[in-house]
Amino acid sequence: MFGKGVFVIAEIGKNFIQTEDERPVAEYLANAKALALAAKEAGADAVKFQTHNVEDEQLNLPEVVSPHFKGADRYSWVTRNTNATPFEEFWKPLKAYCDQINIVFHSTPMSRGAAEKLQKLGVELWKVGSGDILDFVTLDYIAGTKKPIIISTGMSTLEELDRAVDFLKRRNASFTLLHCVSRYPCPPEDLHLASIEFLRERYGVPVGFSDHSIGIDSALAAVALGATVVEKHFSFDRGLWGADHKVSMTPDEMTALVAGIRAIEADPNLREQYLSNDIVRRGMGEKGKVLQEDEAVFRPYFRKSLMAGADIPAGTVITAGMLYAMRPQAHAGGMPSEEYENVVGKTAARILRKYDPVTPDAMI
């Protein structure tokens, strides 16, 4: 479905939220539509949003605040996003509008419950954010739909990425990896663009680039290196209130990026021009998968633990539907979400109440 050229994604995410005070759903929808239209006019192939379902994503721990956004604690922020985007009043009309203007709509489900909402919309593909590459509860669900998956690789070790890729390949999933550095914003010299070739050689799958730097040079260099997908955050103004506006590309910048990508596709001789750029050369890094210190700080907030998704009586065989994978792992107390396959099919040794952490001693 990606076509013959580089697939360009305008990552709108939650950038339809632009003020600290809550606004009506109708205003959020109008903002989202305006951003989708601007992305279409700039030449993007797709728009991507972020879909939340607080019930099975985020534990109610108001003291947890992510380093990249001090504007709200995580539970309040996820709750606000869940309430701001009701299925009938927001997601359905937004998907219909994107279909109308002929731009691909997709969204990152932040949990299995969010993925179930998107599945009802008939999305054509899935995006998995860097924080969720080990959320095997959600990965199992979306792999089962047999739709293409795009998965970002930021804030992860090579061993973790190996495990996620193995999980998807065992399910015969069709997927593209995006090289990504989870820093907001990321200095261009720290992008480690050589990882694009490393990932392609190691896993034998298409590789793209999810770029959190400001500007277009590094993204164009990624295309010169063979990236098949380019994703950039998208907003009308980097000064707006919210988590991701500050690392976003404006419509004029997106227009320039798309023009540059199409120029490289039309004239491969331009590749060396972009790769010789001084800031790009300094940002190549070594081939490999690097977890940077500034990325590692996000892991306790965004990694997930296995929790009971319902009351589970003692003696019950645990099924996939009984499990939630929830943030933040640092406070949840359950087994890491990547232990999902080691839990499904086991028998509950004692009563598990909804939201109890699933621990080794809870199973036999």
Protein backbone atom coordinates (compact mmCIF):
# COMPACT_ATOMS: atom_id res chain seq x y z
CA MET A 1 0.00 0.00 0.00
CA PHE A 2 3.03 2.26 0.36
CA GLY A 3 3.38 2.72 -3.40
CA LYS A 4 6.64 2.89 -5.33
CA GLY A 5 8.17 5.94 -3.67
CA VAL A 6 9.17 6.92 -0.16
CA PHE A 7 6.07 6.89 2.07
CA VAL A 8 5.91 10.28 3.83
CA ILE A 9 3.98 10.44 7.10
CA ALA A 10 2.89 13.65 8.78
CA GLU A 11 2.76 12.62 12.44
CA ILE A 12 -0.04 14.78 13.83
CA GLY A 13 -0.22 12.65 16.96
CA LYS A 14 -2.03 14.71 19.58
CA ASN A 15 -1.21 18.08 18.02
CA PHE A 16 -4.90 18.84 17.61
CA ILE A 17 -4.66 19.70 21.33
CA GLN A 18 -3.16 23.17 21.32
CA THR A 19 -4.16 24.81 24.60
CA GLU A 20 -3.65 23.96 28.25
CA ASP A 21 -7.34 24.43 28.96
CA GLU A 22 -9.64 21.70 27.72
CA ARG A 23 -11.68 22.48 24.63
CA PRO A 24 -14.80 20.89 23.07
CA VAL A 25 -14.43 17.70 21.04
CA ALA A 26 -15.74 19.58 18.00
CA GLU A 27 -12.79 21.97 18.22
CA TYR A 28 -10.29 19.13 18.47
CA LEU A 29 -11.87 17.52 15.41
CA ALA A 30 -11.71 20.78 13.47
CA ASN A 31 -8.03 21.15 14.39
CA ALA A 32 -7.29 17.56 13.34
CA LYS A 33 -9.04 18.03 10.00
CA ALA A 34 -7.17 21.28 9.35
CA LEU A 35 -3.85 19.57 10.04
CA ALA A 36 -4.77 16.63 7.81
CA LEU A 37 -5.65 18.98 4.95
CA ALA A 38 -2.42 20.93 5.42
CA ALA A 39 -0.45 17.68 5.32
CA LYS A 40 -2.23 16.65 2.14
CA GLU A 41 -1.50 20.01 0.52
CA ALA A 42 2.14 19.72 1.55
CA GLY A 43 2.41 16.43 -0.32
CA ALA A 44 2.44 13.92 2.53
CA ASP A 45 1.16 10.43 1.73
CA ALA A 46 -0.34 9.79 5.15
CA VAL A 47 -1.33 11.36 8.43
CA LYS A 48 -0.82 9.57 11.70
CA PHE A 49 -2.50 10.20 15.02
CA GLN A 50 -2.19 8.59 18.47
CA THR A 51 -5.09 6.68 19.97
CA HIS A 52 -5.43 6.28 23.72
CA ASN A 53 -7.63 4.10 25.91
CA VAL A 54 -6.72 4.99 29.45
CA GLU A 55 -8.36 1.89 30.97
CA ASP A 56 -5.74 -0.53 29.69
CA GLU A 57 -2.82 1.85 29.08
CA GLN A 58 -1.97 3.97 32.11
CA LEU A 59 -2.19 3.23 35.82
CA ASN A 60 -3.70 5.97 37.99
CA LEU A 61 -0.49 7.28 39.54
CA PRO A 62 -0.68 11.08 39.51
CA GLU A 63 2.92 11.49 40.63
CA VAL A 64 4.27 10.11 37.31
CA VAL A 65 5.35 12.93 34.94
CA SER A 66 7.37 12.25 31.79
CA PRO A 67 10.62 14.19 31.31
CA HIS A 68 9.62 15.31 27.81
CA PHE A 69 6.34 17.00 28.86
CA LYS A 70 5.90 18.66 32.22
CA GLY A 71 2.47 20.03 31.33
CA ALA A 72 0.54 17.18 32.97
CA ASP A 73 1.03 13.94 34.83
CA ARG A 74 0.80 10.91 32.57
CA TYR A 75 -2.53 9.60 33.89
CA SER A 76 -4.23 12.99 33.49
CA TRP A 77 -2.73 13.47 30.02
CA VAL A 78 -3.80 10.03 28.78
CA THR A 79 -7.24 10.49 30.33
CA ARG A 80 -7.62 13.86 28.62
CA ASN A 81 -6.66 12.33 25.27
CA THR A 82 -9.07 9.45 25.74
CA ASN A 83 -11.95 11.80 26.57
CA ALA A 84 -11.04 14.27 23.80
CA THR A 85 -11.40 11.61 21.10
CA PRO A 86 -14.69 9.69 21.44
CA PHE A 87 -15.15 7.10 18.74
CA GLU A 88 -18.36 8.38 17.16
CA GLU A 89 -17.66 12.11 17.49
CA PHE A 90 -13.94 12.16 16.68
CA TRP A 91 -12.35 9.06 15.15
CA LYS A 92 -15.14 8.12 12.74
CA PRO A 93 -15.57 11.57 11.19
CA LEU A 94 -11.80 12.13 11.11
CA LYS A 95 -11.19 8.87 9.26
CA ALA A 96 -14.03 9.70 6.85
CA TYR A 97 -12.53 13.16 6.21
CA CYS A 98 -9.09 11.73 5.47
CA ASP A 99 -10.68 9.28 3.05
CA GLN A 100 -12.52 12.18 1.42
CA ILE A 101 -9.35 14.21 0.81
CA ASN A 102 -7.47 11.07 -0.25
CA ILE A 103 -4.76 10.88 2.37
CA VAL A 104 -3.99 7.65 4.25
CA PHE A 105 -5.26 7.74 7.83
CA HIS A 106 -3.61 5.66 10.52
CA SER A 107 -2.85 5.95 14.20
CA THR A 108 -0.62 4.55 16.90
CA PRO A 109 -2.69 2.44 19.29
CA MET A 110 -1.23 2.96 22.74
CA SER A 111 -2.82 -0.26 24.02
CA ARG A 112 -4.81 -3.24 22.79
CA GLY A 113 -8.03 -1.40 23.69
CA ALA A 114 -6.96 1.49 21.48
CA ALA A 115 -6.13 -0.94 18.66
CA GLU A 116 -9.61 -2.43 18.95
CA LYS A 117 -11.09 1.04 18.38
CA LEU A 118 -8.96 1.55 15.28
CA GLN A 119 -9.80 -1.89 13.93
CA LYS A 120 -13.46 -0.87 13.95
CA LEU A 121 -12.52 2.05 11.68
CA GLY A 122 -10.98 -0.25 9.11
CA VAL A 123 -7.47 1.23 9.25
CA GLU A 124 -5.15 -0.02 6.52
CA LEU A 125 -1.99 -0.24 8.60
CA TRP A 126 -0.63 0.03 12.13
CA LYS A 127 2.06 2.17 13.72
CA VAL A 128 3.80 1.07 16.92
CA GLY A 129 5.64 3.73 18.92
CA SER A 130 9.09 3.22 20.39
CA GLY A 131 7.72 2.87 23.90
CA ASP A 132 5.60 -0.12 22.90
CA ILE A 133 7.88 -2.43 20.91
CA LEU A 134 7.77 -4.83 23.88
CA ASP A 135 4.02 -4.53 24.44
CA PHE A 136 3.41 -8.05 23.20
CA VAL A 137 -0.25 -7.87 24.29
CA THR A 138 -0.88 -5.22 21.64
CA LEU A 139 1.59 -6.59 19.10
CA ASP A 140 -0.13 -9.98 19.20
CA TYR A 141 -3.48 -8.36 18.52
CA ILE A 142 -2.36 -6.18 15.60
CA ALA A 143 -0.24 -8.96 14.06
CA GLY A 144 -3.39 -11.07 14.05
CA THR A 145 -5.12 -8.58 11.75
CA LYS A 146 -2.55 -9.31 9.00
CA LYS A 147 -2.24 -5.61 8.18
CA PRO A 148 1.15 -3.94 7.59
CA ILE A 149 2.92 -2.66 10.70
CA ILE A 150 5.37 0.24 11.01
CA ILE A 151 7.40 0.05 14.22
CA SER A 152 9.76 2.66 15.68
CA THR A 153 12.92 1.51 17.41
CA GLY A 154 13.85 4.35 19.77
CA MET A 155 14.77 3.91 23.47
CA SER A 156 15.52 0.21 22.87
CA THR A 157 18.55 -2.02 23.13
CA LEU A 158 19.58 -4.32 20.31
CA GLU A 159 18.53 -7.33 22.38
CA GLU A 160 15.05 -5.88 22.91
CA LEU A 161 14.68 -5.13 19.22
CA ASP A 162 15.80 -8.67 18.38
CA ARG A 163 13.06 -9.98 20.65
CA ALA A 164 10.35 -7.78 19.13
CA VAL A 165 11.36 -8.68 15.57
CA ASP A 166 11.37 -12.38 16.44
CA PHE A 167 7.88 -12.03 17.97
CA LEU A 168 6.54 -10.45 14.78
CA LYS A 169 8.31 -12.82 12.39
CA ARG A 170 6.92 -15.84 14.23
CA ARG A 171 3.47 -14.42 13.50
CA ASN A 172 4.30 -13.88 9.81
CA ALA A 173 3.67 -10.16 10.22
CA SER A 174 4.54 -7.74 7.44
CA PHE A 175 6.44 -4.87 9.02
CA THR A 176 8.79 -1.95 8.44
CA LEU A 177 11.25 -0.76 11.06
CA LEU A 178 11.88 2.95 11.61
CA HIS A 179 15.25 4.02 12.92
CA CYS A 180 14.45 6.50 15.68
CA VAL A 181 16.20 8.36 18.48
CA SER A 182 13.76 9.16 21.29
CA ARG A 183 14.96 12.63 22.15
CA TYR A 184 12.69 15.68 21.90
CA PRO A 185 14.21 17.36 19.95
CA CYS A 186 17.23 15.30 18.92
CA PRO A 187 20.34 17.23 17.79
CA PRO A 188 21.11 16.19 14.19
CA GLU A 189 24.63 15.15 15.14
CA ASP A 190 23.19 12.48 17.50
CA LEU A 191 20.87 10.77 15.01
CA HIS A 192 23.16 7.80 14.20
CA LEU A 193 21.88 7.57 10.63
CA ALA A 194 24.20 4.64 9.90
CA SER A 195 21.72 2.54 11.90
CA ILE A 196 19.40 2.56 8.88
CA GLU A 197 21.73 0.28 6.91
CA PHE A 198 22.49 -1.79 10.02
CA LEU A 199 18.81 -2.52 10.67
CA ARG A 200 18.15 -3.39 7.04
CA GLU A 201 21.08 -5.82 6.93
CA ARG A 202 20.36 -7.42 10.31
CA TYR A 203 16.64 -8.05 9.87
CA GLY A 204 16.06 -8.18 6.12
CA VAL A 205 13.01 -5.90 6.24
CA PRO A 206 12.31 -2.40 4.89
CA VAL A 207 13.71 0.37 7.08
CA GLY A 208 12.62 3.98 7.38
CA PHE A 209 13.28 6.95 9.63
CA SER A 210 11.22 8.59 12.37
CA ASP A 211 12.91 11.96 12.80
CA HIS A 212 12.73 14.08 15.96
CA SER A 213 15.30 16.63 14.83
CA ILE A 214 14.44 20.12 13.59
CA GLY A 215 14.92 20.73 9.88
CA ILE A 216 14.89 18.53 6.79
CA ASP A 217 18.53 17.74 6.00
CA SER A 218 18.76 14.61 8.13
CA ALA A 219 15.50 13.20 6.79
CA LEU A 220 16.70 13.75 3.23
CA ALA A 221 19.97 12.03 4.11
CA ALA A 222 17.96 9.10 5.47
CA VAL A 223 16.24 8.82 2.08
CA ALA A 224 19.64 8.94 0.40
CA LEU A 225 20.61 6.02 2.64
CA GLY A 226 17.61 4.00 1.47
CA ALA A 227 14.85 4.85 3.95
CA THR A 228 11.51 3.72 2.53
CA VAL A 229 9.35 5.60 5.06
CA VAL A 230 9.91 9.04 6.58
CA GLU A 231 7.87 10.21 9.55
CA LYS A 232 8.00 13.73 10.98
CA HIS A 233 5.83 15.36 13.65
CA PHE A 234 3.53 17.97 12.13
CA SER A 235 2.01 21.16 13.56
CA PHE A 236 1.03 24.67 12.56
CA ASP A 237 3.29 26.21 15.22
CA ARG A 238 6.13 24.80 17.36
CA GLY A 239 5.14 27.26 20.08
CA LEU A 240 1.72 25.74 20.77
CA TRP A 241 0.97 24.02 24.08
CA GLY A 242 1.35 20.26 24.15
CA ALA A 243 3.86 17.41 24.18
CA ASP A 244 5.05 17.30 20.56
CA HIS A 245 4.59 20.71 18.93
CA LYS A 246 8.15 21.68 19.83
CA VAL A 247 9.64 18.90 17.68
CA SER A 248 7.18 19.32 14.80
CA MET A 249 7.53 20.39 11.21
CA THR A 250 5.35 23.22 9.87
CA PRO A 251 3.42 22.96 6.58
CA ASP A 252 6.03 24.97 4.64
CA GLU A 253 8.77 22.71 6.00
CA MET A 254 6.81 19.59 5.10
CA THR A 255 6.37 20.94 1.56
CA ALA A 256 10.13 21.41 1.30
CA LEU A 257 10.80 17.94 2.71
CA VAL A 258 8.46 16.21 0.26
CA ALA A 259 9.93 18.18 -2.65
CA GLY A 260 13.43 17.16 -1.58
CA ILE A 261 12.45 13.49 -1.29
CA ARG A 262 10.81 13.44 -4.72
CA ALA A 263 13.86 15.18 -6.20
CA ILE A 264 16.16 12.44 -4.84
CA GLU A 265 13.85 9.78 -6.25
CA ALA A 266 13.94 11.48 -9.66
CA ASP A 267 17.71 12.05 -9.63
CA PRO A 268 19.73 9.57 -7.55
CA ASN A 269 22.83 11.70 -8.17
CA LEU A 270 21.48 14.06 -5.52
CA ARG A 271 22.06 11.44 -2.83
CA GLU A 272 25.71 12.32 -2.37
CA GLN A 273 24.82 15.99 -2.12
CA TYR A 274 22.73 15.34 0.98
CA LEU A 275 25.13 12.81 2.47
CA SER A 276 28.03 15.25 2.16
CA ASN A 277 26.25 17.86 4.28
CA ASP A 278 28.47 18.57 7.30
CA ILE A 279 25.74 18.13 9.93
CA VAL A 280 24.68 14.88 8.28
CA ARG A 281 28.21 13.49 8.21
CA ARG A 282 28.61 14.29 11.89
CA GLY A 283 25.31 12.56 12.58
CA MET A 284 26.07 9.28 10.81
CA GLY A 285 27.53 7.59 13.88
CA GLU A 286 28.64 3.97 13.82
CA LYS A 287 26.64 1.13 12.31
CA GLY A 288 24.72 -0.55 15.09
CA LYS A 289 21.87 0.04 17.53
CA VAL A 290 22.71 2.67 20.12
CA LEU A 291 20.65 3.39 23.24
CA GLN A 292 21.56 6.93 24.22
CA GLU A 293 21.48 8.14 27.81
CA ASP A 294 18.92 10.82 26.95
CA GLU A 295 16.63 8.09 25.57
CA ALA A 296 17.04 5.73 28.50
CA VAL A 297 15.38 8.20 30.88
CA PHE A 298 12.04 7.57 29.15
CA ARG A 299 12.05 3.80 29.61
CA PRO A 300 10.65 3.68 33.19
CA TYR A 301 7.72 5.87 32.08
CA PHE A 302 6.84 4.19 28.78
CA ARG A 303 7.70 0.51 29.19
CA LYS A 304 4.80 -1.66 30.37
CA SER A 305 4.01 -4.41 32.87
CA LEU A 306 1.47 -7.22 32.71
CA MET A 307 -1.63 -6.55 34.82
CA ALA A 308 -4.88 -8.41 35.31
CA GLY A 309 -7.41 -6.97 32.89
CA ALA A 310 -10.33 -8.43 34.86
CA ASP A 311 -10.98 -10.31 38.07
CA ILE A 312 -9.39 -13.74 37.56
CA PRO A 313 -10.49 -16.51 39.98
CA ALA A 314 -7.92 -18.94 41.33
CA GLY A 315 -7.65 -22.01 39.12
CA THR A 316 -8.53 -20.10 35.94
CA VAL A 317 -6.45 -20.67 32.80
CA ILE A 318 -5.18 -17.23 31.82
CA THR A 319 -6.08 -16.15 28.28
CA ALA A 320 -4.79 -13.24 26.21
CA GLY A 321 -7.98 -11.26 26.79
CA MET A 322 -7.47 -11.36 30.56
CA LEU A 323 -4.22 -9.41 30.37
CA TYR A 324 -3.42 -5.73 30.11
CA ALA A 325 0.01 -4.28 29.35
CA MET A 326 0.18 -1.00 31.28
CA ARG A 327 2.48 1.90 32.04
CA PRO A 328 4.58 2.77 33.95
CA GLN A 329 6.66 -0.34 34.40
CA ALA A 330 8.76 1.39 37.08
CA HIS A 331 5.74 1.54 39.41
CA ALA A 332 3.43 -1.25 38.21
CA GLY A 333 5.11 -4.25 39.82
CA GLY A 334 4.04 -6.80 37.23
CA MET A 335 6.18 -8.92 34.93
CA PRO A 336 7.49 -7.02 31.87
CA SER A 337 5.02 -7.00 29.00
CA GLU A 338 7.40 -9.02 26.83
CA GLU A 339 6.78 -11.99 29.16
CA TYR A 340 3.26 -12.23 27.70
CA GLU A 341 3.85 -15.62 26.04
CA ASN A 342 5.09 -17.04 29.34
CA VAL A 343 1.81 -16.11 31.05
CA VAL A 344 -0.90 -17.01 28.53
CA GLY A 345 -2.01 -20.58 29.17
CA LYS A 346 -0.81 -20.67 32.76
CA THR A 347 -3.24 -21.22 35.66
CA ALA A 348 -3.91 -18.51 38.25
CA ALA A 349 -2.55 -19.73 41.61
CA ARG A 350 -4.67 -17.22 43.52
CA ILE A 351 -7.35 -14.63 42.95
CA LEU A 352 -6.19 -11.72 40.80
CA ARG A 353 -8.27 -8.57 41.00
CA LYS A 354 -8.45 -6.21 38.04
CA TYR A 355 -5.22 -4.16 37.88
CA ASP A 356 -3.32 -6.52 40.17
CA PRO A 357 0.23 -7.03 38.85
CA VAL A 358 0.81 -10.40 37.23
CA THR A 359 3.85 -11.88 38.96
CA PRO A 360 5.51 -15.30 38.71
CA ASP A 361 4.05 -16.44 42.04
CA ALA A 362 0.52 -15.71 40.75
CA MET A 363 0.70 -18.63 38.34
CA ILE A 364 1.17 -22.37 38.36
